Amino acid sequence: MTGKVRFTIDDIAREAGVSRATVSRVLNQKPDVSAQTRARILEILERRQFVRDPVAAALAGGRASAIGLLMPRLEFGWATEVIVGVGEAAAAHQRPLLLATTVYQERNEAQWIRLFQSRLVAGVIAILATAASVARLKQAFDERLPLVLVDYEGHEAPFPRVEAANYDGTRRAVRHLIELGHTRIGYITGNANYGCAHARLAAYRDTTRSAGADCDPELVVEGDFTEYSGYAGAKRLLSLGEPPTAIVCANDLSAFGCLKALREAGLRVPQDVSVVGFDDVPGAERSEPPLTTVKQPLRDMGRSAFELLLRYLDGKATPEPVVLTMPTELIVRASTAPNPRRV
């Protein structure tokens, strides 16, 4: 049984009859190599199908060009849209991306951060970081690893961040339902580890209270941004002695679960119960019925985070805790209607 032969820079140098440093200069696109020598080395590299180890390249070159993208999981449509935005900006600037997922494991996150610090990447964009994550990232930041956060609304984050207007978006969603005559409005929360979940819940409570709507604590059920939590949360709200006539979900994924629970209960949306989500992921417009939701400029957030990080890498700005808050927009579709108990 034979395996694939791995060629090193030293092997290429011996075959080309040049020094290792000359091969390295060609790999790093340095100008001080003759055209004839460069052509000979490139021919050997292509024939041998040489692939340079990115970790070794970063360590040898002294300055990595890749950008690390750190996030908990990939299955959220929200995250996918942010990644697309980062990817578009990275492609425009010819910067490779290294995507790292922690699967909510602190050990995984700590390992990735240590790897990033080994000069594997030039800087890091951390998506949906928790307060515990920020404590670990701060240590890396203090050790000169450039960082930008996306959608972190905690406290004491001493580096730049890009976030959406979570409070204002949820306030608009709740006001929309109140204007439709709903006074008993349920709320399915997001994961309490994330600042955006706290901002959205605070907006729900403040808006219902200021409008004189029902502030029954039972109308708030705990969720975690997953479809299942939206499904379970809706089931719990429907079990109340007086169920709500409208439900606000902390994100679209939980709203999809909520819609499923309402269908199973034989309730029509929006004729019996109105539903609002948050994010405006691609599936929101295609849900049944199309979901009224709060639109985050997700791709723009990703692009802005990359551009912000690049400014620090290029020395055009200092890595101060600048906060870029991007506007949200209420997108009204077919999942909301006037309160049926008042029609």
C-alpha atoms as a PDB file:
ATOM      1  CA  MET A   1       0.000   0.000   0.000  1.00  0.00           C
ATOM      2  CA  THR A   2       1.491   3.339  -1.028  1.00  0.00           C
ATOM      3  CA  GLY A   3       0.533   6.772   0.164  1.00  0.00           C
ATOM      4  CA  LYS A   4       0.746  10.115  -1.550  1.00  0.00           C
ATOM      5  CA  VAL A   5       4.306  11.505  -1.530  1.00  0.00           C
ATOM      6  CA  ARG A   6       4.577  14.843   0.259  1.00  0.00           C
ATOM      7  CA  PHE A   7       7.117  17.256  -1.210  1.00  0.00           C
ATOM      8  CA  THR A   8       8.715  19.900   0.950  1.00  0.00           C
ATOM      9  CA  ILE A   9      10.300  23.232   0.075  1.00  0.00           C
ATOM     10  CA  ASP A  10      13.695  21.548   0.503  1.00  0.00           C
ATOM     11  CA  ASP A  11      12.757  18.894  -2.080  1.00  0.00           C
ATOM     12  CA  ILE A  12      11.708  21.585  -4.564  1.00  0.00           C
ATOM     13  CA  ALA A  13      14.918  23.534  -3.945  1.00  0.00           C
ATOM     14  CA  ARG A  14      17.110  20.469  -4.586  1.00  0.00           C
ATOM     15  CA  GLU A  15      15.297  19.622  -7.841  1.00  0.00           C
ATOM     16  CA  ALA A  16      15.508  23.235  -9.075  1.00  0.00           C
ATOM     17  CA  GLY A  17      19.146  23.564  -8.049  1.00  0.00           C
ATOM     18  CA  VAL A  18      18.481  26.654  -5.927  1.00  0.00           C
ATOM     19  CA  SER A  19      18.438  27.551  -2.261  1.00  0.00           C
ATOM     20  CA  ARG A  20      15.469  27.038   0.009  1.00  0.00           C
ATOM     21  CA  ALA A  21      15.250  30.821   0.417  1.00  0.00           C
ATOM     22  CA  THR A  22      14.810  31.246  -3.351  1.00  0.00           C
ATOM     23  CA  VAL A  23      11.886  28.816  -3.399  1.00  0.00           C
ATOM     24  CA  SER A  24      10.398  30.657  -0.434  1.00  0.00           C
ATOM     25  CA  ARG A  25      10.717  33.982  -2.287  1.00  0.00           C
ATOM     26  CA  VAL A  26       8.832  32.523  -5.270  1.00  0.00           C
ATOM     27  CA  LEU A  27       6.097  31.122  -3.029  1.00  0.00           C
ATOM     28  CA  ASN A  28       5.739  34.519  -1.351  1.00  0.00           C
ATOM     29  CA  GLN A  29       5.749  36.325  -4.724  1.00  0.00           C
ATOM     30  CA  LYS A  30       8.875  38.331  -3.922  1.00  0.00           C
ATOM     31  CA  PRO A  31      10.375  40.254  -6.869  1.00  0.00           C
ATOM     32  CA  ASP A  32      14.069  39.482  -6.386  1.00  0.00           C
ATOM     33  CA  VAL A  33      14.165  36.219  -8.422  1.00  0.00           C
ATOM     34  CA  SER A  34      15.153  36.017 -12.107  1.00  0.00           C
ATOM     35  CA  ALA A  35      12.417  35.204 -14.594  1.00  0.00           C
ATOM     36  CA  GLN A  36      14.180  32.029 -15.712  1.00  0.00           C
ATOM     37  CA  THR A  37      14.621  30.721 -12.174  1.00  0.00           C
ATOM     38  CA  ARG A  38      11.069  31.657 -11.224  1.00  0.00           C
ATOM     39  CA  ALA A  39       9.692  29.817 -14.265  1.00  0.00           C
ATOM     40  CA  ARG A  40      11.733  26.699 -13.432  1.00  0.00           C
ATOM     41  CA  ILE A  41      10.530  26.656  -9.829  1.00  0.00           C
ATOM     42  CA  LEU A  42       6.890  27.250 -10.780  1.00  0.00           C
ATOM     43  CA  GLU A  43       7.059  24.383 -13.307  1.00  0.00           C
ATOM     44  CA  ILE A  44       8.324  22.014 -10.620  1.00  0.00           C
ATOM     45  CA  LEU A  45       5.738  23.212  -8.127  1.00  0.00           C
ATOM     46  CA  GLU A  46       2.939  22.557 -10.630  1.00  0.00           C
ATOM     47  CA  ARG A  47       4.301  19.166 -11.718  1.00  0.00           C
ATOM     48  CA  ARG A  48       4.771  17.999  -8.141  1.00  0.00           C
ATOM     49  CA  GLN A  49       1.328  19.423  -7.170  1.00  0.00           C
ATOM     50  CA  PHE A  50       2.982  21.184  -4.282  1.00  0.00           C
ATOM     51  CA  VAL A  51       0.582  22.530  -1.657  1.00  0.00           C
ATOM     52  CA  ARG A  52       2.098  24.683   1.016  1.00  0.00           C
ATOM     53  CA  ASP A  53       1.084  24.074   4.619  1.00  0.00           C
ATOM     54  CA  PRO A  54      -0.814  27.253   5.597  1.00  0.00           C
ATOM     55  CA  VAL A  55       0.355  27.052   9.218  1.00  0.00           C
ATOM     56  CA  ALA A  56       3.967  26.700   8.195  1.00  0.00           C
ATOM     57  CA  ALA A  57       3.542  29.490   5.662  1.00  0.00           C
ATOM     58  CA  ALA A  58       2.158  31.832   8.296  1.00  0.00           C
ATOM     59  CA  LEU A  59       4.958  31.038  10.720  1.00  0.00           C
ATOM     60  CA  ALA A  60       7.675  31.299   8.105  1.00  0.00           C
ATOM     61  CA  GLY A  61       6.381  34.490   6.558  1.00  0.00           C
ATOM     62  CA  GLY A  62       6.082  36.278   9.861  1.00  0.00           C
ATOM     63  CA  ARG A  63       2.765  37.831   8.825  1.00  0.00           C
ATOM     64  CA  ALA A  64      -0.353  35.859   7.970  1.00  0.00           C
ATOM     65  CA  SER A  65      -2.878  37.151   5.460  1.00  0.00           C
ATOM     66  CA  ALA A  66      -5.809  34.919   6.408  1.00  0.00           C
ATOM     67  CA  ILE A  67      -8.693  36.119   8.573  1.00  0.00           C
ATOM     68  CA  GLY A  68     -10.127  33.827  11.232  1.00  0.00           C
ATOM     69  CA  LEU A  69     -13.903  33.594  11.583  1.00  0.00           C
ATOM     70  CA  LEU A  70     -14.959  32.198  14.967  1.00  0.00           C
ATOM     71  CA  MET A  71     -18.560  31.207  15.697  1.00  0.00           C
ATOM     72  CA  PRO A  72     -20.586  28.701  17.753  1.00  0.00           C
ATOM     73  CA  ARG A  73     -22.395  26.737  15.004  1.00  0.00           C
ATOM     74  CA  LEU A  74     -23.206  26.839  11.311  1.00  0.00           C
ATOM     75  CA  GLU A  75     -26.848  25.777  11.143  1.00  0.00           C
ATOM     76  CA  PHE A  76     -28.353  29.195  11.846  1.00  0.00           C
ATOM     77  CA  GLY A  77     -29.433  30.971   8.663  1.00  0.00           C
ATOM     78  CA  TRP A  78     -28.483  34.174  10.450  1.00  0.00           C
ATOM     79  CA  ALA A  79     -24.861  33.104  10.693  1.00  0.00           C
ATOM     80  CA  THR A  80     -24.737  31.928   7.078  1.00  0.00           C
ATOM     81  CA  GLU A  81     -25.708  35.372   5.840  1.00  0.00           C
ATOM     82  CA  VAL A  82     -23.051  37.050   7.994  1.00  0.00           C
ATOM     83  CA  ILE A  83     -20.451  34.597   6.682  1.00  0.00           C
ATOM     84  CA  VAL A  84     -21.452  35.422   3.103  1.00  0.00           C
ATOM     85  CA  GLY A  85     -20.873  39.109   3.831  1.00  0.00           C
ATOM     86  CA  VAL A  86     -17.455  38.449   5.359  1.00  0.00           C
ATOM     87  CA  GLY A  87     -16.588  36.142   2.463  1.00  0.00           C
ATOM     88  CA  GLU A  88     -17.518  38.734  -0.156  1.00  0.00           C
ATOM     89  CA  ALA A  89     -15.322  41.344   1.524  1.00  0.00           C
ATOM     90  CA  ALA A  90     -12.464  38.883   1.937  1.00  0.00           C
ATOM     91  CA  ALA A  91     -12.624  37.907  -1.737  1.00  0.00           C
ATOM     92  CA  ALA A  92     -12.593  41.555  -2.776  1.00  0.00           C
ATOM     93  CA  HIS A  93      -9.397  42.071  -0.776  1.00  0.00           C
ATOM     94  CA  GLN A  94      -7.907  38.690  -1.759  1.00  0.00           C
ATOM     95  CA  ARG A  95      -7.759  37.530   1.831  1.00  0.00           C
ATOM     96  CA  PRO A  96      -8.313  33.822   2.648  1.00  0.00           C
ATOM     97  CA  LEU A  97     -10.791  32.930   5.401  1.00  0.00           C
ATOM     98  CA  LEU A  98     -10.423  30.267   8.066  1.00  0.00           C
ATOM     99  CA  LEU A  99     -13.819  29.305   9.487  1.00  0.00           C
ATOM    100  CA  ALA A 100     -13.769  27.828  13.002  1.00  0.00           C
ATOM    101  CA  THR A 101     -16.785  26.516  14.912  1.00  0.00           C
ATOM    102  CA  THR A 102     -16.761  25.830  18.639  1.00  0.00           C
ATOM    103  CA  VAL A 103     -20.015  23.806  18.880  1.00  0.00           C
ATOM    104  CA  TYR A 104     -20.574  25.729  22.115  1.00  0.00           C
ATOM    105  CA  GLN A 105     -17.586  23.958  23.729  1.00  0.00           C
ATOM    106  CA  GLU A 106     -15.245  26.165  25.756  1.00  0.00           C
ATOM    107  CA  ARG A 107     -12.367  23.746  25.162  1.00  0.00           C
ATOM    108  CA  ASN A 108     -12.801  23.995  21.389  1.00  0.00           C
ATOM    109  CA  GLU A 109     -12.954  27.757  21.567  1.00  0.00           C
ATOM    110  CA  ALA A 110      -9.791  27.974  23.685  1.00  0.00           C
ATOM    111  CA  GLN A 111      -7.948  25.713  21.219  1.00  0.00           C
ATOM    112  CA  TRP A 112      -8.964  27.841  18.245  1.00  0.00           C
ATOM    113  CA  ILE A 113      -7.921  31.040  19.971  1.00  0.00           C
ATOM    114  CA  ARG A 114      -4.509  29.572  20.774  1.00  0.00           C
ATOM    115  CA  LEU A 115      -4.145  28.443  17.173  1.00  0.00           C
ATOM    116  CA  PHE A 116      -5.095  31.884  15.896  1.00  0.00           C
ATOM    117  CA  GLN A 117      -2.475  33.415  18.162  1.00  0.00           C
ATOM    118  CA  SER A 118       0.224  31.255  16.548  1.00  0.00           C
ATOM    119  CA  ARG A 119       0.219  33.681  13.605  1.00  0.00           C
ATOM    120  CA  LEU A 120      -2.061  31.409  11.619  1.00  0.00           C
ATOM    121  CA  VAL A 121      -4.274  34.438  10.951  1.00  0.00           C
ATOM    122  CA  ALA A 122      -3.790  38.176  10.790  1.00  0.00           C
ATOM    123  CA  GLY A 123      -6.921  38.904  12.798  1.00  0.00           C
ATOM    124  CA  VAL A 124     -10.200  37.402  13.988  1.00  0.00           C
ATOM    125  CA  ILE A 125     -13.896  38.158  13.549  1.00  0.00           C
ATOM    126  CA  ALA A 126     -15.895  36.548  16.359  1.00  0.00           C
ATOM    127  CA  ILE A 127     -19.609  36.040  15.681  1.00  0.00           C
ATOM    128  CA  LEU A 128     -22.184  35.869  18.490  1.00  0.00           C
ATOM    129  CA  ALA A 129     -19.598  35.770  21.279  1.00  0.00           C
ATOM    130  CA  THR A 130     -20.718  35.169  24.850  1.00  0.00           C
ATOM    131  CA  ALA A 131     -19.412  37.078  27.855  1.00  0.00           C
ATOM    132  CA  ALA A 132     -17.205  34.073  28.697  1.00  0.00           C
ATOM    133  CA  SER A 133     -15.868  34.052  25.139  1.00  0.00           C
ATOM    134  CA  VAL A 134     -14.993  37.731  25.336  1.00  0.00           C
ATOM    135  CA  ALA A 135     -12.940  37.103  28.471  1.00  0.00           C
ATOM    136  CA  ARG A 136     -10.829  34.570  26.535  1.00  0.00           C
ATOM    137  CA  LEU A 137     -10.660  36.772  23.457  1.00  0.00           C
ATOM    138  CA  LYS A 138      -9.535  39.734  25.571  1.00  0.00           C
ATOM    139  CA  GLN A 139      -6.434  37.865  26.621  1.00  0.00           C
ATOM    140  CA  ALA A 140      -5.591  37.191  22.961  1.00  0.00           C
ATOM    141  CA  PHE A 141      -6.340  40.823  22.115  1.00  0.00           C
ATOM    142  CA  ASP A 142      -4.036  42.010  24.881  1.00  0.00           C
ATOM    143  CA  GLU A 143      -1.355  39.829  23.287  1.00  0.00           C
ATOM    144  CA  ARG A 144      -1.730  41.714  19.969  1.00  0.00           C
ATOM    145  CA  LEU A 145      -4.310  39.616  18.118  1.00  0.00           C
ATOM    146  CA  PRO A 146      -6.620  42.076  16.253  1.00  0.00           C
ATOM    147  CA  LEU A 147     -10.295  41.342  16.905  1.00  0.00           C
ATOM    148  CA  VAL A 148     -13.748  42.511  15.842  1.00  0.00           C
ATOM    149  CA  LEU A 149     -16.992  41.194  17.345  1.00  0.00           C
ATOM    150  CA  VAL A 150     -20.277  40.751  15.479  1.00  0.00           C
ATOM    151  CA  ASP A 151     -23.519  41.015  17.468  1.00  0.00           C
ATOM    152  CA  TYR A 152     -22.158  41.306  20.984  1.00  0.00           C
ATOM    153  CA  GLU A 153     -23.986  43.620  23.352  1.00  0.00           C
ATOM    154  CA  GLY A 154     -22.309  42.695  26.599  1.00  0.00           C
ATOM    155  CA  HIS A 155     -20.145  44.959  28.681  1.00  0.00           C
ATOM    156  CA  GLU A 156     -16.400  45.485  28.919  1.00  0.00           C
ATOM    157  CA  ALA A 157     -15.460  44.387  25.411  1.00  0.00           C
ATOM    158  CA  PRO A 158     -12.331  46.471  24.752  1.00  0.00           C
ATOM    159  CA  PHE A 159     -12.284  45.926  20.998  1.00  0.00           C
ATOM    160  CA  PRO A 160     -14.395  47.017  18.015  1.00  0.00           C
ATOM    161  CA  ARG A 161     -17.757  45.439  17.301  1.00  0.00           C
ATOM    162  CA  VAL A 162     -20.555  45.496  14.778  1.00  0.00           C
ATOM    163  CA  GLU A 163     -24.106  44.929  15.945  1.00  0.00           C
ATOM    164  CA  ALA A 164     -27.686  45.446  14.849  1.00  0.00           C
ATOM    165  CA  ALA A 165     -30.214  47.736  16.506  1.00  0.00           C
ATOM    166  CA  ASN A 166     -31.753  44.813  18.400  1.00  0.00           C
ATOM    167  CA  TYR A 167     -33.730  46.871  20.891  1.00  0.00           C
ATOM    168  CA  ASP A 168     -35.215  49.201  18.290  1.00  0.00           C
ATOM    169  CA  GLY A 169     -36.107  46.314  15.975  1.00  0.00           C
ATOM    170  CA  THR A 170     -38.006  44.414  18.644  1.00  0.00           C
ATOM    171  CA  ARG A 171     -39.721  47.607  19.801  1.00  0.00           C
ATOM    172  CA  ARG A 172     -41.034  48.113  16.271  1.00  0.00           C
ATOM    173  CA  ALA A 173     -42.250  44.526  16.083  1.00  0.00           C
ATOM    174  CA  VAL A 174     -44.193  44.807  19.323  1.00  0.00           C
ATOM    175  CA  ARG A 175     -45.594  48.228  18.353  1.00  0.00           C
ATOM    176  CA  HIS A 176     -46.798  46.703  15.071  1.00  0.00           C
ATOM    177  CA  LEU A 177     -48.807  44.086  16.978  1.00  0.00           C
ATOM    178  CA  ILE A 178     -50.189  46.638  19.434  1.00  0.00           C
ATOM    179  CA  GLU A 179     -51.344  48.796  16.519  1.00  0.00           C
ATOM    180  CA  LEU A 180     -53.160  45.717  15.209  1.00  0.00           C
ATOM    181  CA  GLY A 181     -55.089  45.581  18.477  1.00  0.00           C
ATOM    182  CA  HIS A 182     -53.130  42.838  20.240  1.00  0.00           C
ATOM    183  CA  THR A 183     -52.760  43.376  23.970  1.00  0.00           C
ATOM    184  CA  ARG A 184     -51.885  39.842  25.090  1.00  0.00           C
ATOM    185  CA  ILE A 185     -48.587  39.201  23.322  1.00  0.00           C
ATOM    186  CA  GLY A 186     -46.390  36.190  24.060  1.00  0.00           C
ATOM    187  CA  TYR A 187     -42.621  36.236  23.781  1.00  0.00           C
ATOM    188  CA  ILE A 188     -40.189  33.353  23.171  1.00  0.00           C
ATOM    189  CA  THR A 189     -36.715  34.456  24.249  1.00  0.00           C
ATOM    190  CA  GLY A 190     -33.317  33.784  22.740  1.00  0.00           C
ATOM    191  CA  ASN A 191     -30.295  32.207  24.416  1.00  0.00           C
ATOM    192  CA  ALA A 192     -29.610  34.234  27.562  1.00  0.00           C
ATOM    193  CA  ASN A 193     -25.835  33.871  27.060  1.00  0.00           C
ATOM    194  CA  TYR A 194     -25.974  36.414  24.246  1.00  0.00           C
ATOM    195  CA  GLY A 195     -26.385  40.153  24.609  1.00  0.00           C
ATOM    196  CA  CYS A 196     -28.747  40.445  21.642  1.00  0.00           C
ATOM    197  CA  ALA A 197     -31.235  38.166  23.447  1.00  0.00           C
ATOM    198  CA  HIS A 198     -31.242  40.494  26.464  1.00  0.00           C
ATOM    199  CA  ALA A 199     -31.732  43.595  24.287  1.00  0.00           C
ATOM    200  CA  ARG A 200     -34.699  42.060  22.450  1.00  0.00           C
ATOM    201  CA  LEU A 201     -36.369  40.850  25.646  1.00  0.00           C
ATOM    202  CA  ALA A 202     -35.904  44.269  27.270  1.00  0.00           C
ATOM    203  CA  ALA A 203     -37.550  45.918  24.247  1.00  0.00           C
ATOM    204  CA  TYR A 204     -40.515  43.548  24.435  1.00  0.00           C
ATOM    205  CA  ARG A 205     -41.042  44.249  28.134  1.00  0.00           C
ATOM    206  CA  ASP A 206     -40.579  48.018  27.864  1.00  0.00           C
ATOM    207  CA  THR A 207     -42.883  48.345  24.860  1.00  0.00           C
ATOM    208  CA  THR A 208     -45.734  46.231  26.240  1.00  0.00           C
ATOM    209  CA  ARG A 209     -45.515  48.023  29.568  1.00  0.00           C
ATOM    210  CA  SER A 210     -45.505  51.517  28.056  1.00  0.00           C
ATOM    211  CA  ALA A 211     -48.478  50.640  25.834  1.00  0.00           C
ATOM    212  CA  GLY A 212     -50.510  49.302  28.743  1.00  0.00           C
ATOM    213  CA  ALA A 213     -50.565  45.797  27.251  1.00  0.00           C
ATOM    214  CA  ASP A 214     -50.771  42.637  29.346  1.00  0.00           C
ATOM    215  CA  CYS A 215     -47.466  42.135  31.194  1.00  0.00           C
ATOM    216  CA  ASP A 216     -48.280  38.696  32.627  1.00  0.00           C
ATOM    217  CA  PRO A 217     -44.902  36.995  33.361  1.00  0.00           C
ATOM    218  CA  GLU A 218     -46.349  33.736  31.979  1.00  0.00           C
ATOM    219  CA  LEU A 219     -46.360  35.310  28.526  1.00  0.00           C
ATOM    220  CA  VAL A 220     -42.548  35.151  28.460  1.00  0.00           C
ATOM    221  CA  VAL A 221     -41.135  31.654  27.878  1.00  0.00           C
ATOM    222  CA  GLU A 222     -37.485  30.715  27.668  1.00  0.00           C
ATOM    223  CA  GLY A 223     -35.940  29.767  24.340  1.00  0.00           C
ATOM    224  CA  ASP A 224     -32.468  29.429  22.868  1.00  0.00           C
ATOM    225  CA  PHE A 225     -32.794  30.607  19.243  1.00  0.00           C
ATOM    226  CA  THR A 226     -33.440  27.050  17.973  1.00  0.00           C
ATOM    227  CA  GLU A 227     -36.466  25.837  16.020  1.00  0.00           C
ATOM    228  CA  TYR A 228     -37.294  23.338  18.740  1.00  0.00           C
ATOM    229  CA  SER A 229     -37.332  26.017  21.434  1.00  0.00           C
ATOM    230  CA  GLY A 230     -39.818  27.998  19.337  1.00  0.00           C
ATOM    231  CA  TYR A 231     -41.970  24.896  18.967  1.00  0.00           C
ATOM    232  CA  ALA A 232     -41.848  24.083  22.698  1.00  0.00           C
ATOM    233  CA  GLY A 233     -42.344  27.720  23.673  1.00  0.00           C
ATOM    234  CA  ALA A 234     -45.450  28.044  21.521  1.00  0.00           C
ATOM    235  CA  LYS A 235     -46.875  24.838  23.030  1.00  0.00           C
ATOM    236  CA  ARG A 236     -46.394  26.315  26.481  1.00  0.00           C
ATOM    237  CA  LEU A 237     -48.037  29.610  25.545  1.00  0.00           C
ATOM    238  CA  LEU A 238     -51.015  27.774  24.056  1.00  0.00           C
ATOM    239  CA  SER A 239     -51.458  25.844  27.311  1.00  0.00           C
ATOM    240  CA  LEU A 240     -52.170  29.041  29.276  1.00  0.00           C
ATOM    241  CA  GLY A 241     -55.692  29.649  30.519  1.00  0.00           C
ATOM    242  CA  GLU A 242     -55.806  32.686  28.240  1.00  0.00           C
ATOM    243  CA  PRO A 243     -53.365  32.114  25.376  1.00  0.00           C
ATOM    244  CA  PRO A 244     -51.868  35.124  23.579  1.00  0.00           C
ATOM    245  CA  THR A 245     -53.295  36.385  20.307  1.00  0.00           C
ATOM    246  CA  ALA A 246     -49.794  37.178  19.032  1.00  0.00           C
ATOM    247  CA  ILE A 247     -46.326  35.761  19.613  1.00  0.00           C
ATOM    248  CA  VAL A 248     -42.980  37.492  19.122  1.00  0.00           C
ATOM    249  CA  CYS A 249     -40.009  35.157  18.670  1.00  0.00           C
ATOM    250  CA  ALA A 250     -36.423  36.206  19.351  1.00  0.00           C
ATOM    251  CA  ASN A 251     -35.342  34.990  15.897  1.00  0.00           C
ATOM    252  CA  ASP A 252     -36.749  33.497  12.691  1.00  0.00           C
ATOM    253  CA  LEU A 253     -35.639  29.957  13.441  1.00  0.00           C
ATOM    254  CA  SER A 254     -37.670  29.845  16.637  1.00  0.00           C
ATOM    255  CA  ALA A 255     -40.557  31.493  14.749  1.00  0.00           C
ATOM    256  CA  PHE A 256     -40.519  28.569  12.285  1.00  0.00           C
ATOM    257  CA  GLY A 257     -40.911  26.196  15.244  1.00  0.00           C
ATOM    258  CA  CYS A 258     -43.705  28.371  16.596  1.00  0.00           C
ATOM    259  CA  LEU A 259     -45.568  28.191  13.274  1.00  0.00           C
ATOM    260  CA  LYS A 260     -45.318  24.402  13.327  1.00  0.00           C
ATOM    261  CA  ALA A 261     -46.778  24.210  16.838  1.00  0.00           C
ATOM    262  CA  LEU A 262     -49.681  26.474  15.864  1.00  0.00           C
ATOM    263  CA  ARG A 263     -50.454  24.345  12.799  1.00  0.00           C
ATOM    264  CA  GLU A 264     -50.457  21.186  14.903  1.00  0.00           C
ATOM    265  CA  ALA A 265     -52.869  22.846  17.333  1.00  0.00           C
ATOM    266  CA  GLY A 266     -55.262  23.546  14.456  1.00  0.00           C
ATOM    267  CA  LEU A 267     -54.748  27.300  14.674  1.00  0.00           C
ATOM    268  CA  ARG A 268     -54.462  29.534  11.626  1.00  0.00           C
ATOM    269  CA  VAL A 269     -51.772  32.158  11.217  1.00  0.00           C
ATOM    270  CA  PRO A 270     -52.582  35.056  11.218  1.00  0.00           C
ATOM    271  CA  GLN A 271     -56.369  34.594  11.515  1.00  0.00           C
ATOM    272  CA  ASP A 272     -56.129  33.079  15.009  1.00  0.00           C
ATOM    273  CA  VAL A 273     -52.608  33.989  16.135  1.00  0.00           C
ATOM    274  CA  SER A 274     -50.097  36.463  14.711  1.00  0.00           C
ATOM    275  CA  VAL A 275     -46.379  35.614  14.684  1.00  0.00           C
ATOM    276  CA  VAL A 276     -43.296  37.828  14.308  1.00  0.00           C
ATOM    277  CA  GLY A 277     -39.656  36.748  14.013  1.00  0.00           C
ATOM    278  CA  PHE A 278     -36.295  38.502  13.934  1.00  0.00           C
ATOM    279  CA  ASP A 279     -33.436  38.337  11.358  1.00  0.00           C
ATOM    280  CA  ASP A 280     -35.201  37.983   7.980  1.00  0.00           C
ATOM    281  CA  VAL A 281     -33.215  34.923   6.952  1.00  0.00           C
ATOM    282  CA  PRO A 282     -33.853  33.705   3.359  1.00  0.00           C
ATOM    283  CA  GLY A 283     -36.459  31.167   4.529  1.00  0.00           C
ATOM    284  CA  ALA A 284     -38.632  33.825   6.206  1.00  0.00           C
ATOM    285  CA  GLU A 285     -40.185  34.988   2.946  1.00  0.00           C
ATOM    286  CA  ARG A 286     -40.834  31.387   1.871  1.00  0.00           C
ATOM    287  CA  SER A 287     -42.413  30.148   5.108  1.00  0.00           C
ATOM    288  CA  GLU A 288     -46.115  29.359   5.305  1.00  0.00           C
ATOM    289  CA  PRO A 289     -47.397  31.969   5.720  1.00  0.00           C
ATOM    290  CA  PRO A 290     -44.556  34.371   4.800  1.00  0.00           C
ATOM    291  CA  LEU A 291     -43.151  35.613   8.081  1.00  0.00           C
ATOM    292  CA  THR A 292     -43.388  39.154   9.372  1.00  0.00           C
ATOM    293  CA  THR A 293     -39.951  39.782  10.851  1.00  0.00           C
ATOM    294  CA  VAL A 294     -37.303  42.312  11.782  1.00  0.00           C
ATOM    295  CA  LYS A 295     -34.655  42.505   9.097  1.00  0.00           C
ATOM    296  CA  GLN A 296     -31.034  42.672  10.146  1.00  0.00           C
ATOM    297  CA  PRO A 297     -28.579  43.805   7.458  1.00  0.00           C
ATOM    298  CA  LEU A 298     -26.701  40.538   7.956  1.00  0.00           C
ATOM    299  CA  ARG A 299     -24.437  40.581   4.911  1.00  0.00           C
ATOM    300  CA  ASP A 300     -23.665  44.247   5.491  1.00  0.00           C
ATOM    301  CA  MET A 301     -22.746  43.406   9.085  1.00  0.00           C
ATOM    302  CA  GLY A 302     -20.296  40.779   7.849  1.00  0.00           C
ATOM    303  CA  ARG A 303     -18.797  43.118   5.266  1.00  0.00           C
ATOM    304  CA  SER A 304     -18.536  45.950   7.787  1.00  0.00           C
ATOM    305  CA  ALA A 305     -16.821  43.721  10.347  1.00  0.00           C
ATOM    306  CA  PHE A 306     -14.229  42.708   7.760  1.00  0.00           C
ATOM    307  CA  GLU A 307     -13.626  46.294   6.623  1.00  0.00           C
ATOM    308  CA  LEU A 308     -13.313  47.424  10.227  1.00  0.00           C
ATOM    309  CA  LEU A 309     -10.749  44.717  10.975  1.00  0.00           C
ATOM    310  CA  LEU A 310      -8.846  45.521   7.794  1.00  0.00           C
ATOM    311  CA  ARG A 311      -8.532  49.180   8.812  1.00  0.00           C
ATOM    312  CA  TYR A 312      -6.704  48.111  11.969  1.00  0.00           C
ATOM    313  CA  LEU A 313      -4.509  45.640  10.091  1.00  0.00           C
ATOM    314  CA  ASP A 314      -3.565  48.323   7.575  1.00  0.00           C
ATOM    315  CA  GLY A 315      -2.770  50.804  10.344  1.00  0.00           C
ATOM    316  CA  LYS A 316      -5.530  53.203   9.298  1.00  0.00           C
ATOM    317  CA  ALA A 317      -7.245  53.067  12.685  1.00  0.00           C
ATOM    318  CA  THR A 318      -6.386  52.141  16.252  1.00  0.00           C
ATOM    319  CA  PRO A 319      -8.127  49.094  17.781  1.00  0.00           C
ATOM    320  CA  GLU A 320     -10.356  51.041  20.148  1.00  0.00           C
ATOM    321  CA  PRO A 321     -13.757  49.753  21.360  1.00  0.00           C
ATOM    322  CA  VAL A 322     -15.706  51.412  18.519  1.00  0.00           C
ATOM    323  CA  VAL A 323     -19.302  50.202  18.215  1.00  0.00           C
ATOM    324  CA  LEU A 324     -20.923  50.232  14.779  1.00  0.00           C
ATOM    325  CA  THR A 325     -24.692  49.849  15.231  1.00  0.00           C
ATOM    326  CA  MET A 326     -26.530  49.021  12.018  1.00  0.00           C
ATOM    327  CA  PRO A 327     -30.261  49.776  11.562  1.00  0.00           C
ATOM    328  CA  THR A 328     -32.979  47.140  11.543  1.00  0.00           C
ATOM    329  CA  GLU A 329     -36.244  47.239   9.597  1.00  0.00           C
ATOM    330  CA  LEU A 330     -39.665  45.729  10.237  1.00  0.00           C
ATOM    331  CA  ILE A 331     -40.738  43.637   7.223  1.00  0.00           C
ATOM    332  CA  VAL A 332     -44.501  43.116   7.328  1.00  0.00           C
ATOM    333  CA  ARG A 333     -45.715  39.961   5.600  1.00  0.00           C
ATOM    334  CA  ALA A 334     -48.687  37.642   5.950  1.00  0.00           C
ATOM    335  CA  SER A 335     -48.107  36.212   9.449  1.00  0.00           C
ATOM    336  CA  THR A 336     -49.623  39.206  11.270  1.00  0.00           C
ATOM    337  CA  ALA A 337     -53.209  40.522  11.241  1.00  0.00           C
ATOM    338  CA  PRO A 338     -55.627  42.394  13.529  1.00  0.00           C
ATOM    339  CA  ASN A 339     -56.491  40.826  16.873  1.00  0.00           C
ATOM    340  CA  PRO A 340     -59.381  38.412  16.121  1.00  0.00           C
ATOM    341  CA  ARG A 341     -60.858  39.018  19.585  1.00  0.00           C
ATOM    342  CA  ARG A 342     -61.390  42.672  18.698  1.00  0.00           C
ATOM    343  CA  VAL A 343     -62.702  42.287  15.161  1.00  0.00           C
END
